[in-house]
């Protein structure tokens, strides 16, 4: 069962739309998971996996990045991972069609909250067993979800500082590598000039020897 769906801008983690379905069996509020999702959005970088499943205790987060937008759902552990990602792809297609050109212009949280209507409609389709089976039959040629990283929410949320340090070090290494290439080119150029100069000196000495002496 899909319990929560959130959509955010990757660049700054700004929530664009959301839809919550409280867990009626446990009566547990999803506010805690909503906060975790917001923190997760803040940790995303251009190097983050395009598809990822993250263990969060009772439930599992699945997210899918499409362009500049991240689509995330919170599901029960027993819910099919394949169904979750097909659901996210459907959400992405609908959202991109409706608001794709407006994403970069959004300045306040949940600027497209009215998209909840479409999310609820798709969620009902994917919550129905027969509906899911029918969708899977129509998509028999769809490849199984591959290379989806499975992680733990605590590890992901605590990894922000380490990721930032790695990005800083990577930038430093890139600068050093560029400087090394420039120095190598300069040394090669000097070596070439030295060889040309040496050849010229030998030629001049040779000419002086024959024509002067």
C-alpha atoms as a PDB file:
ATOM      1  CA  UNK A   1       0.000   0.000   0.000  1.00  0.00           C
ATOM      2  CA  UNK A   2       1.262   3.496  -0.893  1.00  0.00           C
ATOM      3  CA  UNK A   3       0.985   5.623   2.257  1.00  0.00           C
ATOM      4  CA  UNK A   4       2.643   8.850   1.204  1.00  0.00           C
ATOM      5  CA  UNK A   5       3.756  10.504  -2.017  1.00  0.00           C
ATOM      6  CA  UNK A   6       5.973  13.574  -2.161  1.00  0.00           C
ATOM      7  CA  UNK A   7       7.458  15.505  -5.065  1.00  0.00           C
ATOM      8  CA  UNK A   8      10.404  17.883  -4.662  1.00  0.00           C
ATOM      9  CA  UNK A   9      12.871  19.890  -6.701  1.00  0.00           C
ATOM     10  CA  UNK A  10      16.303  18.242  -6.706  1.00  0.00           C
ATOM     11  CA  UNK A  11      18.339  21.458  -6.792  1.00  0.00           C
ATOM     12  CA  UNK A  12      17.223  22.719  -3.373  1.00  0.00           C
ATOM     13  CA  UNK A  13      14.858  20.067  -1.962  1.00  0.00           C
ATOM     14  CA  UNK A  14      11.822  22.367  -2.211  1.00  0.00           C
ATOM     15  CA  UNK A  15       8.625  20.269  -1.792  1.00  0.00           C
ATOM     16  CA  UNK A  16       6.340  20.838  -4.780  1.00  0.00           C
ATOM     17  CA  UNK A  17       3.404  18.523  -4.034  1.00  0.00           C
ATOM     18  CA  UNK A  18       2.400  15.850  -1.532  1.00  0.00           C
ATOM     19  CA  UNK A  19      -0.341  13.366  -0.735  1.00  0.00           C
ATOM     20  CA  UNK A  20      -0.692  11.478   2.558  1.00  0.00           C
ATOM     21  CA  UNK A  21      -2.749   8.413   3.412  1.00  0.00           C
ATOM     22  CA  UNK A  22      -2.649   7.653   7.131  1.00  0.00           C
ATOM     23  CA  UNK A  23      -1.958   4.058   8.187  1.00  0.00           C
ATOM     24  CA  UNK A  24      -5.413   3.192   9.525  1.00  0.00           C
ATOM     25  CA  UNK A  25      -4.339  -0.196  10.928  1.00  0.00           C
ATOM     26  CA  UNK A  26      -1.672   1.145  13.249  1.00  0.00           C
ATOM     27  CA  UNK A  27      -3.072   4.635  13.594  1.00  0.00           C
ATOM     28  CA  UNK A  28       0.487   5.922  13.344  1.00  0.00           C
ATOM     29  CA  UNK A  29       0.956   9.462  12.085  1.00  0.00           C
ATOM     30  CA  UNK A  30       3.076   9.910   8.997  1.00  0.00           C
ATOM     31  CA  UNK A  31       4.426  13.285  10.147  1.00  0.00           C
ATOM     32  CA  UNK A  32       7.684  11.634  11.226  1.00  0.00           C
ATOM     33  CA  UNK A  33       8.152  10.061   7.799  1.00  0.00           C
ATOM     34  CA  UNK A  34       7.218  13.300   6.084  1.00  0.00           C
ATOM     35  CA  UNK A  35      10.048  15.037   7.969  1.00  0.00           C
ATOM     36  CA  UNK A  36      12.419  12.226   7.003  1.00  0.00           C
ATOM     37  CA  UNK A  37      11.430  12.679   3.363  1.00  0.00           C
ATOM     38  CA  UNK A  38      12.144  16.430   3.541  1.00  0.00           C
ATOM     39  CA  UNK A  39      15.577  15.749   5.024  1.00  0.00           C
ATOM     40  CA  UNK A  40      16.199  13.155   2.336  1.00  0.00           C
ATOM     41  CA  UNK A  41      15.376  15.682  -0.388  1.00  0.00           C
ATOM     42  CA  UNK A  42      17.962  18.038   1.123  1.00  0.00           C
ATOM     43  CA  UNK A  43      20.640  15.336   0.865  1.00  0.00           C
ATOM     44  CA  UNK A  44      20.152  14.742  -2.855  1.00  0.00           C
ATOM     45  CA  UNK A  45      22.963  15.740  -5.184  1.00  0.00           C
ATOM     46  CA  UNK A  46      23.552  15.378  -8.937  1.00  0.00           C
ATOM     47  CA  UNK A  47      25.517  12.211  -8.090  1.00  0.00           C
ATOM     48  CA  UNK A  48      22.649  10.571  -6.174  1.00  0.00           C
ATOM     49  CA  UNK A  49      21.274   7.286  -7.624  1.00  0.00           C
ATOM     50  CA  UNK A  50      18.409   7.836 -10.067  1.00  0.00           C
ATOM     51  CA  UNK A  51      16.370   5.121  -8.358  1.00  0.00           C
ATOM     52  CA  UNK A  52      16.733   4.086  -4.737  1.00  0.00           C
ATOM     53  CA  UNK A  53      14.911   2.162  -1.990  1.00  0.00           C
ATOM     54  CA  UNK A  54      15.554   3.223   1.609  1.00  0.00           C
ATOM     55  CA  UNK A  55      14.600   1.176   4.661  1.00  0.00           C
ATOM     56  CA  UNK A  56      12.849   3.236   7.336  1.00  0.00           C
ATOM     57  CA  UNK A  57      11.846   0.673   9.933  1.00  0.00           C
ATOM     58  CA  UNK A  58       8.195  -0.242   9.480  1.00  0.00           C
ATOM     59  CA  UNK A  59       8.032   1.192   5.967  1.00  0.00           C
ATOM     60  CA  UNK A  60      10.254   1.665   2.921  1.00  0.00           C
ATOM     61  CA  UNK A  61      10.939   4.816   0.891  1.00  0.00           C
ATOM     62  CA  UNK A  62      11.283   4.486  -2.888  1.00  0.00           C
ATOM     63  CA  UNK A  63      12.356   7.473  -4.944  1.00  0.00           C
ATOM     64  CA  UNK A  64      12.823   8.173  -8.638  1.00  0.00           C
ATOM     65  CA  UNK A  65      14.662  11.197 -10.048  1.00  0.00           C
ATOM     66  CA  UNK A  66      13.504  12.462 -13.422  1.00  0.00           C
ATOM     67  CA  UNK A  67      15.282  15.577 -14.659  1.00  0.00           C
ATOM     68  CA  UNK A  68      15.141  18.270 -11.990  1.00  0.00           C
ATOM     69  CA  UNK A  69      12.403  16.580  -9.937  1.00  0.00           C
ATOM     70  CA  UNK A  70      12.465  13.777  -7.355  1.00  0.00           C
ATOM     71  CA  UNK A  71       9.352  11.614  -6.904  1.00  0.00           C
ATOM     72  CA  UNK A  72       9.124   9.700  -3.619  1.00  0.00           C
ATOM     73  CA  UNK A  73       6.685   7.243  -2.050  1.00  0.00           C
ATOM     74  CA  UNK A  74       6.458   5.603   1.357  1.00  0.00           C
ATOM     75  CA  UNK A  75       5.125   2.048   1.181  1.00  0.00           C
ATOM     76  CA  UNK A  76       4.478  -0.905   3.410  1.00  0.00           C
ATOM     77  CA  UNK A  77       7.378  -3.344   3.392  1.00  0.00           C
ATOM     78  CA  UNK A  78       5.294  -6.021   1.665  1.00  0.00           C
ATOM     79  CA  UNK A  79       4.373  -3.720  -1.223  1.00  0.00           C
ATOM     80  CA  UNK A  80       5.997  -4.708  -4.510  1.00  0.00           C
ATOM     81  CA  UNK A  81       9.105  -2.669  -5.312  1.00  0.00           C
ATOM     82  CA  UNK A  82       8.352  -3.030  -9.013  1.00  0.00           C
ATOM     83  CA  UNK A  83       4.837  -1.630  -8.516  1.00  0.00           C
ATOM     84  CA  UNK A  84       6.258   1.259  -6.488  1.00  0.00           C
ATOM     85  CA  UNK A  85       8.611   2.340  -9.271  1.00  0.00           C
ATOM     86  CA  UNK A  86       6.006   1.925 -12.004  1.00  0.00           C
ATOM     87  CA  UNK A  87       3.722   4.107  -9.862  1.00  0.00           C
ATOM     88  CA  UNK A  88       6.479   6.729  -9.549  1.00  0.00           C
ATOM     89  CA  UNK A  89       7.040   6.709 -13.310  1.00  0.00           C
ATOM     90  CA  UNK A  90       3.305   7.263 -13.872  1.00  0.00           C
ATOM     91  CA  UNK A  91       3.365  10.136 -11.372  1.00  0.00           C
ATOM     92  CA  UNK A  92       6.420  11.626 -13.085  1.00  0.00           C
ATOM     93  CA  UNK A  93       4.804  11.484 -16.528  1.00  0.00           C
ATOM     94  CA  UNK A  94       1.627  13.186 -15.290  1.00  0.00           C
ATOM     95  CA  UNK A  95       3.481  15.830 -13.271  1.00  0.00           C
ATOM     96  CA  UNK A  96       5.934  16.647 -16.045  1.00  0.00           C
ATOM     97  CA  UNK A  97       3.080  17.006 -18.529  1.00  0.00           C
ATOM     98  CA  UNK A  98       1.202  19.371 -16.222  1.00  0.00           C
ATOM     99  CA  UNK A  99       3.943  21.373 -14.472  1.00  0.00           C
ATOM    100  CA  UNK A 100       7.271  20.481 -16.118  1.00  0.00           C
ATOM    101  CA  UNK A 101       7.960  24.014 -17.371  1.00  0.00           C
ATOM    102  CA  UNK A 102       6.936  25.618 -14.076  1.00  0.00           C
ATOM    103  CA  UNK A 103       9.227  23.679 -11.721  1.00  0.00           C
ATOM    104  CA  UNK A 104      12.145  26.105 -11.914  1.00  0.00           C
ATOM    105  CA  UNK A 105       9.784  29.036 -11.263  1.00  0.00           C
ATOM    106  CA  UNK A 106       8.363  27.661  -7.998  1.00  0.00           C
ATOM    107  CA  UNK A 107       9.333  29.815  -4.994  1.00  0.00           C
ATOM    108  CA  UNK A 108       7.146  28.508  -2.164  1.00  0.00           C
ATOM    109  CA  UNK A 109       6.634  24.996  -0.743  1.00  0.00           C
ATOM    110  CA  UNK A 110       3.842  22.902  -2.264  1.00  0.00           C
ATOM    111  CA  UNK A 111       3.249  25.281  -5.155  1.00  0.00           C
ATOM    112  CA  UNK A 112       1.470  22.454  -7.021  1.00  0.00           C
ATOM    113  CA  UNK A 113      -0.486  20.955  -4.128  1.00  0.00           C
ATOM    114  CA  UNK A 114      -3.540  20.578  -6.388  1.00  0.00           C
ATOM    115  CA  UNK A 115      -1.670  17.698  -8.058  1.00  0.00           C
ATOM    116  CA  UNK A 116      -2.832  15.650  -5.043  1.00  0.00           C
ATOM    117  CA  UNK A 117      -6.014  14.851  -7.000  1.00  0.00           C
ATOM    118  CA  UNK A 118      -4.061  12.969  -9.675  1.00  0.00           C
ATOM    119  CA  UNK A 119      -1.855  11.282  -7.070  1.00  0.00           C
ATOM    120  CA  UNK A 120      -4.928   9.995  -5.224  1.00  0.00           C
ATOM    121  CA  UNK A 121      -6.417   8.676  -8.444  1.00  0.00           C
ATOM    122  CA  UNK A 122      -3.266   6.741  -9.348  1.00  0.00           C
ATOM    123  CA  UNK A 123      -2.823   5.532  -5.775  1.00  0.00           C
ATOM    124  CA  UNK A 124      -6.276   3.952  -5.828  1.00  0.00           C
ATOM    125  CA  UNK A 125      -5.376   2.133  -9.040  1.00  0.00           C
ATOM    126  CA  UNK A 126      -2.173   0.762  -7.565  1.00  0.00           C
ATOM    127  CA  UNK A 127      -3.798  -0.134  -4.252  1.00  0.00           C
ATOM    128  CA  UNK A 128      -6.284  -2.417  -5.999  1.00  0.00           C
ATOM    129  CA  UNK A 129      -4.850  -5.914  -6.477  1.00  0.00           C
ATOM    130  CA  UNK A 130      -6.671  -6.525  -9.761  1.00  0.00           C
ATOM    131  CA  UNK A 131      -5.606  -3.124 -11.029  1.00  0.00           C
ATOM    132  CA  UNK A 132      -1.957  -3.828 -10.259  1.00  0.00           C
ATOM    133  CA  UNK A 133      -2.167  -7.238 -11.944  1.00  0.00           C
ATOM    134  CA  UNK A 134      -3.720  -5.688 -15.052  1.00  0.00           C
ATOM    135  CA  UNK A 135      -1.015  -3.031 -15.199  1.00  0.00           C
ATOM    136  CA  UNK A 136       1.689  -5.672 -14.892  1.00  0.00           C
ATOM    137  CA  UNK A 137       0.127  -7.653 -17.738  1.00  0.00           C
ATOM    138  CA  UNK A 138       0.174  -4.583 -19.946  1.00  0.00           C
ATOM    139  CA  UNK A 139       3.821  -4.054 -19.072  1.00  0.00           C
ATOM    140  CA  UNK A 140       5.196  -7.546 -19.466  1.00  0.00           C
ATOM    141  CA  UNK A 141       8.021  -6.163 -21.593  1.00  0.00           C
ATOM    142  CA  UNK A 142       9.116  -3.803 -18.819  1.00  0.00           C
ATOM    143  CA  UNK A 143      12.531  -4.809 -17.504  1.00  0.00           C
ATOM    144  CA  UNK A 144      12.834  -5.617 -13.831  1.00  0.00           C
ATOM    145  CA  UNK A 145      14.074  -2.761 -11.737  1.00  0.00           C
ATOM    146  CA  UNK A 146      17.839  -3.073 -11.718  1.00  0.00           C
ATOM    147  CA  UNK A 147      20.690  -1.423  -9.885  1.00  0.00           C
ATOM    148  CA  UNK A 148      18.361   0.081  -7.288  1.00  0.00           C
ATOM    149  CA  UNK A 149      20.330   0.849  -4.178  1.00  0.00           C
ATOM    150  CA  UNK A 150      18.817  -0.370  -0.911  1.00  0.00           C
ATOM    151  CA  UNK A 151      19.887   1.770   2.026  1.00  0.00           C
ATOM    152  CA  UNK A 152      18.900   2.713   5.543  1.00  0.00           C
ATOM    153  CA  UNK A 153      17.252   6.075   6.232  1.00  0.00           C
ATOM    154  CA  UNK A 154      19.507   6.869   9.221  1.00  0.00           C
ATOM    155  CA  UNK A 155      22.646   6.186   7.190  1.00  0.00           C
ATOM    156  CA  UNK A 156      21.384   8.332   4.327  1.00  0.00           C
ATOM    157  CA  UNK A 157      20.431  11.283   6.537  1.00  0.00           C
ATOM    158  CA  UNK A 158      23.753  11.166   8.417  1.00  0.00           C
ATOM    159  CA  UNK A 159      25.767  10.910   5.235  1.00  0.00           C
ATOM    160  CA  UNK A 160      25.296  14.541   4.210  1.00  0.00           C
ATOM    161  CA  UNK A 161      28.517  15.857   5.790  1.00  0.00           C
ATOM    162  CA  UNK A 162      30.601  13.015   4.409  1.00  0.00           C
ATOM    163  CA  UNK A 163      29.150  13.513   0.933  1.00  0.00           C
ATOM    164  CA  UNK A 164      29.871  17.232   1.147  1.00  0.00           C
ATOM    165  CA  UNK A 165      33.494  16.526   2.149  1.00  0.00           C
ATOM    166  CA  UNK A 166      33.886  14.060  -0.721  1.00  0.00           C
ATOM    167  CA  UNK A 167      32.517  16.587  -3.207  1.00  0.00           C
ATOM    168  CA  UNK A 168      34.958  19.232  -1.861  1.00  0.00           C
ATOM    169  CA  UNK A 169      37.895  16.821  -2.131  1.00  0.00           C
ATOM    170  CA  UNK A 170      36.802  15.773  -5.619  1.00  0.00           C
ATOM    171  CA  UNK A 171      36.700  19.432  -6.670  1.00  0.00           C
ATOM    172  CA  UNK A 172      40.189  19.962  -5.220  1.00  0.00           C
ATOM    173  CA  UNK A 173      41.547  16.937  -7.050  1.00  0.00           C
ATOM    174  CA  UNK A 174      40.011  18.187 -10.280  1.00  0.00           C
ATOM    175  CA  UNK A 175      41.734  21.580  -9.859  1.00  0.00           C
ATOM    176  CA  UNK A 176      45.050  19.898  -9.032  1.00  0.00           C
ATOM    177  CA  UNK A 177      44.702  17.602 -12.041  1.00  0.00           C
ATOM    178  CA  UNK A 178      44.060  20.562 -14.322  1.00  0.00           C
ATOM    179  CA  UNK A 179      47.104  22.406 -12.922  1.00  0.00           C
ATOM    180  CA  UNK A 180      49.225  19.285 -13.405  1.00  0.00           C
ATOM    181  CA  UNK A 181      48.154  19.063 -17.053  1.00  0.00           C
ATOM    182  CA  UNK A 182      49.007  22.738 -17.568  1.00  0.00           C
ATOM    183  CA  UNK A 183      52.431  22.301 -15.945  1.00  0.00           C
ATOM    184  CA  UNK A 184      53.085  19.191 -18.045  1.00  0.00           C
ATOM    185  CA  UNK A 185      52.176  21.075 -21.208  1.00  0.00           C
ATOM    186  CA  UNK A 186      54.485  23.930 -20.193  1.00  0.00           C
ATOM    187  CA  UNK A 187      57.395  21.546 -19.495  1.00  0.00           C
ATOM    188  CA  UNK A 188      56.826  19.763 -22.804  1.00  0.00           C
ATOM    189  CA  UNK A 189      56.864  23.114 -24.575  1.00  0.00           C
ATOM    190  CA  UNK A 190      60.123  24.126 -22.868  1.00  0.00           C
ATOM    191  CA  UNK A 191      61.664  20.784 -23.751  1.00  0.00           C
ATOM    192  CA  UNK A 192      60.670  21.272 -27.404  1.00  0.00           C
ATOM    193  CA  UNK A 193      62.122  24.799 -27.481  1.00  0.00           C
ATOM    194  CA  UNK A 194      65.336  23.544 -25.853  1.00  0.00           C
ATOM    195  CA  UNK A 195      65.713  20.853 -28.515  1.00  0.00           C
ATOM    196  CA  UNK A 196      65.120  23.405 -31.287  1.00  0.00           C
ATOM    197  CA  UNK A 197      67.653  25.788 -29.736  1.00  0.00           C
ATOM    198  CA  UNK A 198      70.248  23.029 -29.370  1.00  0.00           C
ATOM    199  CA  UNK A 199      69.752  22.039 -32.997  1.00  0.00           C
ATOM    200  CA  UNK A 200      70.134  25.644 -34.078  1.00  0.00           C
ATOM    201  CA  UNK A 201      73.381  26.046 -32.097  1.00  0.00           C
ATOM    202  CA  UNK A 202      74.836  22.859 -33.623  1.00  0.00           C
ATOM    203  CA  UNK A 203      73.880  24.058 -37.105  1.00  0.00           C
ATOM    204  CA  UNK A 204      75.508  27.465 -36.545  1.00  0.00           C
ATOM    205  CA  UNK A 205      78.705  25.892 -35.192  1.00  0.00           C
ATOM    206  CA  UNK A 206      78.778  23.518 -38.151  1.00  0.00           C
ATOM    207  CA  UNK A 207      78.386  26.380 -40.645  1.00  0.00           C
ATOM    208  CA  UNK A 208      81.034  28.503 -38.900  1.00  0.00           C
ATOM    209  CA  UNK A 209      83.485  25.595 -38.944  1.00  0.00           C
ATOM    210  CA  UNK A 210      83.237  25.065 -42.684  1.00  0.00           C
ATOM    211  CA  UNK A 211      82.842  28.655 -43.899  1.00  0.00           C
ATOM    212  CA  UNK A 212      85.040  30.511 -41.450  1.00  0.00           C
ATOM    213  CA  UNK A 213      87.818  28.051 -40.747  1.00  0.00           C
END
